[in-house]
Protein backbone atom coordinates (compact mmCIF):
# COMPACT_ATOMS: atom_id res chain seq x y z
CA UNK A 1 0.00 0.00 0.00
CA UNK A 2 1.23 3.45 -0.88
CA UNK A 3 2.18 5.53 2.17
CA UNK A 4 0.18 8.54 0.96
CA UNK A 5 -2.92 6.38 0.63
CA UNK A 6 -2.40 4.84 4.07
CA UNK A 7 -1.98 8.27 5.64
CA UNK A 8 -5.09 9.72 4.03
CA UNK A 9 -7.22 6.65 4.78
CA UNK A 10 -6.11 6.75 8.39
CA UNK A 11 -6.93 10.45 8.72
CA UNK A 12 -10.33 10.09 7.03
CA UNK A 13 -11.25 7.10 9.20
CA UNK A 14 -10.18 9.05 12.29
CA UNK A 15 -12.36 12.02 11.27
CA UNK A 16 -15.39 9.79 10.75
CA UNK A 17 -14.79 8.08 14.09
CA UNK A 18 -15.12 11.22 16.22
CA UNK A 19 -18.91 11.59 15.74
CA UNK A 20 -19.35 7.88 16.39
CA UNK A 21 -17.49 8.12 19.70
CA UNK A 22 -19.45 11.20 20.75
CA UNK A 23 -22.72 9.50 19.85
CA UNK A 24 -21.89 6.41 21.87
CA UNK A 25 -20.82 8.43 24.88
CA UNK A 26 -23.90 10.66 24.76
CA UNK A 27 -26.14 7.57 24.73
CA UNK A 28 -24.14 6.11 27.64
CA UNK A 29 -23.10 2.98 25.82
CA UNK A 30 -19.56 1.68 25.35
CA UNK A 31 -17.95 2.83 22.08
CA UNK A 32 -16.61 -0.61 21.09
CA UNK A 33 -16.83 -0.24 17.31
CA UNK A 34 -15.48 3.29 17.54
CA UNK A 35 -12.45 2.15 19.49
CA UNK A 36 -11.76 -0.47 16.83
CA UNK A 37 -11.87 2.13 14.07
CA UNK A 38 -9.60 4.43 16.09
CA UNK A 39 -7.08 1.59 16.35
CA UNK A 40 -7.30 1.00 12.59
CA UNK A 41 -6.75 4.72 11.93
CA UNK A 42 -3.78 4.86 14.29
CA UNK A 43 -2.30 1.78 12.63
CA UNK A 44 -2.63 3.25 9.13
CA UNK A 45 -1.13 6.60 10.09
CA UNK A 46 1.69 4.92 12.00
CA UNK A 47 2.45 2.65 9.06
CA UNK A 48 2.54 5.64 6.70
CA UNK A 49 4.86 7.68 8.91
CA UNK A 50 7.23 4.76 9.55
CA UNK A 51 7.28 3.43 5.97
CA UNK A 52 8.03 6.78 4.31
CA UNK A 53 11.68 7.77 4.61
CA UNK A 54 11.79 10.97 6.65
CA UNK A 55 8.14 10.68 7.66
CA UNK A 56 5.53 13.36 7.05
CA UNK A 57 5.35 16.96 8.18
CA UNK A 58 2.12 18.87 8.68
CA UNK A 59 2.78 20.79 5.48
CA UNK A 60 2.99 17.61 3.41
CA UNK A 61 -0.44 16.28 4.41
CA UNK A 62 -2.49 18.49 2.01
CA UNK A 63 -0.11 17.58 -0.83
CA UNK A 64 -0.51 13.88 -0.03
CA UNK A 65 -4.29 14.30 0.05
CA UNK A 66 -4.39 15.89 -3.37
CA UNK A 67 -1.98 13.29 -4.81
CA UNK A 68 -4.30 10.51 -3.63
CA UNK A 69 -7.43 12.26 -4.92
CA UNK A 70 -5.67 12.99 -8.22
CA UNK A 71 -4.82 9.31 -8.68
CA UNK A 72 -8.40 8.27 -7.95
CA UNK A 73 -9.89 10.73 -10.41
C-alpha atoms as a PDB file:
ATOM      1  CA  UNK A   1       0.000   0.000   0.000  1.00  0.00           C
ATOM      2  CA  UNK A   2       1.233   3.448  -0.877  1.00  0.00           C
ATOM      3  CA  UNK A   3       2.178   5.529   2.171  1.00  0.00           C
ATOM      4  CA  UNK A   4       0.178   8.541   0.958  1.00  0.00           C
ATOM      5  CA  UNK A   5      -2.923   6.381   0.633  1.00  0.00           C
ATOM      6  CA  UNK A   6      -2.401   4.837   4.068  1.00  0.00           C
ATOM      7  CA  UNK A   7      -1.983   8.267   5.636  1.00  0.00           C
ATOM      8  CA  UNK A   8      -5.086   9.718   4.030  1.00  0.00           C
ATOM      9  CA  UNK A   9      -7.218   6.649   4.778  1.00  0.00           C
ATOM     10  CA  UNK A  10      -6.106   6.753   8.389  1.00  0.00           C
ATOM     11  CA  UNK A  11      -6.934  10.451   8.723  1.00  0.00           C
ATOM     12  CA  UNK A  12     -10.325  10.094   7.026  1.00  0.00           C
ATOM     13  CA  UNK A  13     -11.247   7.103   9.195  1.00  0.00           C
ATOM     14  CA  UNK A  14     -10.179   9.053  12.286  1.00  0.00           C
ATOM     15  CA  UNK A  15     -12.361  12.016  11.274  1.00  0.00           C
ATOM     16  CA  UNK A  16     -15.395   9.787  10.754  1.00  0.00           C
ATOM     17  CA  UNK A  17     -14.791   8.083  14.086  1.00  0.00           C
ATOM     18  CA  UNK A  18     -15.118  11.223  16.217  1.00  0.00           C
ATOM     19  CA  UNK A  19     -18.913  11.595  15.738  1.00  0.00           C
ATOM     20  CA  UNK A  20     -19.347   7.884  16.392  1.00  0.00           C
ATOM     21  CA  UNK A  21     -17.489   8.119  19.698  1.00  0.00           C
ATOM     22  CA  UNK A  22     -19.452  11.197  20.752  1.00  0.00           C
ATOM     23  CA  UNK A  23     -22.725   9.502  19.853  1.00  0.00           C
ATOM     24  CA  UNK A  24     -21.887   6.415  21.869  1.00  0.00           C
ATOM     25  CA  UNK A  25     -20.817   8.435  24.881  1.00  0.00           C
ATOM     26  CA  UNK A  26     -23.905  10.661  24.764  1.00  0.00           C
ATOM     27  CA  UNK A  27     -26.140   7.569  24.731  1.00  0.00           C
ATOM     28  CA  UNK A  28     -24.136   6.108  27.642  1.00  0.00           C
ATOM     29  CA  UNK A  29     -23.096   2.982  25.817  1.00  0.00           C
ATOM     30  CA  UNK A  30     -19.556   1.680  25.354  1.00  0.00           C
ATOM     31  CA  UNK A  31     -17.953   2.831  22.077  1.00  0.00           C
ATOM     32  CA  UNK A  32     -16.612  -0.611  21.090  1.00  0.00           C
ATOM     33  CA  UNK A  33     -16.827  -0.242  17.313  1.00  0.00           C
ATOM     34  CA  UNK A  34     -15.482   3.293  17.536  1.00  0.00           C
ATOM     35  CA  UNK A  35     -12.451   2.145  19.494  1.00  0.00           C
ATOM     36  CA  UNK A  36     -11.758  -0.474  16.829  1.00  0.00           C
ATOM     37  CA  UNK A  37     -11.866   2.126  14.065  1.00  0.00           C
ATOM     38  CA  UNK A  38      -9.595   4.428  16.089  1.00  0.00           C
ATOM     39  CA  UNK A  39      -7.078   1.591  16.348  1.00  0.00           C
ATOM     40  CA  UNK A  40      -7.298   0.999  12.590  1.00  0.00           C
ATOM     41  CA  UNK A  41      -6.755   4.718  11.926  1.00  0.00           C
ATOM     42  CA  UNK A  42      -3.782   4.863  14.294  1.00  0.00           C
ATOM     43  CA  UNK A  43      -2.299   1.781  12.625  1.00  0.00           C
ATOM     44  CA  UNK A  44      -2.631   3.246   9.127  1.00  0.00           C
ATOM     45  CA  UNK A  45      -1.135   6.603  10.095  1.00  0.00           C
ATOM     46  CA  UNK A  46       1.691   4.924  12.004  1.00  0.00           C
ATOM     47  CA  UNK A  47       2.449   2.651   9.056  1.00  0.00           C
ATOM     48  CA  UNK A  48       2.536   5.645   6.696  1.00  0.00           C
ATOM     49  CA  UNK A  49       4.859   7.678   8.910  1.00  0.00           C
ATOM     50  CA  UNK A  50       7.230   4.763   9.548  1.00  0.00           C
ATOM     51  CA  UNK A  51       7.277   3.428   5.973  1.00  0.00           C
ATOM     52  CA  UNK A  52       8.031   6.782   4.314  1.00  0.00           C
ATOM     53  CA  UNK A  53      11.679   7.768   4.615  1.00  0.00           C
ATOM     54  CA  UNK A  54      11.789  10.972   6.652  1.00  0.00           C
ATOM     55  CA  UNK A  55       8.140  10.684   7.662  1.00  0.00           C
ATOM     56  CA  UNK A  56       5.534  13.363   7.053  1.00  0.00           C
ATOM     57  CA  UNK A  57       5.348  16.959   8.178  1.00  0.00           C
ATOM     58  CA  UNK A  58       2.118  18.865   8.684  1.00  0.00           C
ATOM     59  CA  UNK A  59       2.777  20.790   5.480  1.00  0.00           C
ATOM     60  CA  UNK A  60       2.989  17.608   3.405  1.00  0.00           C
ATOM     61  CA  UNK A  61      -0.444  16.282   4.414  1.00  0.00           C
ATOM     62  CA  UNK A  62      -2.488  18.490   2.012  1.00  0.00           C
ATOM     63  CA  UNK A  63      -0.109  17.580  -0.825  1.00  0.00           C
ATOM     64  CA  UNK A  64      -0.508  13.880  -0.027  1.00  0.00           C
ATOM     65  CA  UNK A  65      -4.292  14.297   0.053  1.00  0.00           C
ATOM     66  CA  UNK A  66      -4.389  15.891  -3.372  1.00  0.00           C
ATOM     67  CA  UNK A  67      -1.983  13.292  -4.811  1.00  0.00           C
ATOM     68  CA  UNK A  68      -4.300  10.505  -3.631  1.00  0.00           C
ATOM     69  CA  UNK A  69      -7.426  12.264  -4.916  1.00  0.00           C
ATOM     70  CA  UNK A  70      -5.675  12.987  -8.221  1.00  0.00           C
ATOM     71  CA  UNK A  71      -4.819   9.309  -8.685  1.00  0.00           C
ATOM     72  CA  UNK A  72      -8.398   8.269  -7.954  1.00  0.00           C
ATOM     73  CA  UNK A  73      -9.886  10.732 -10.405  1.00  0.00           C
END
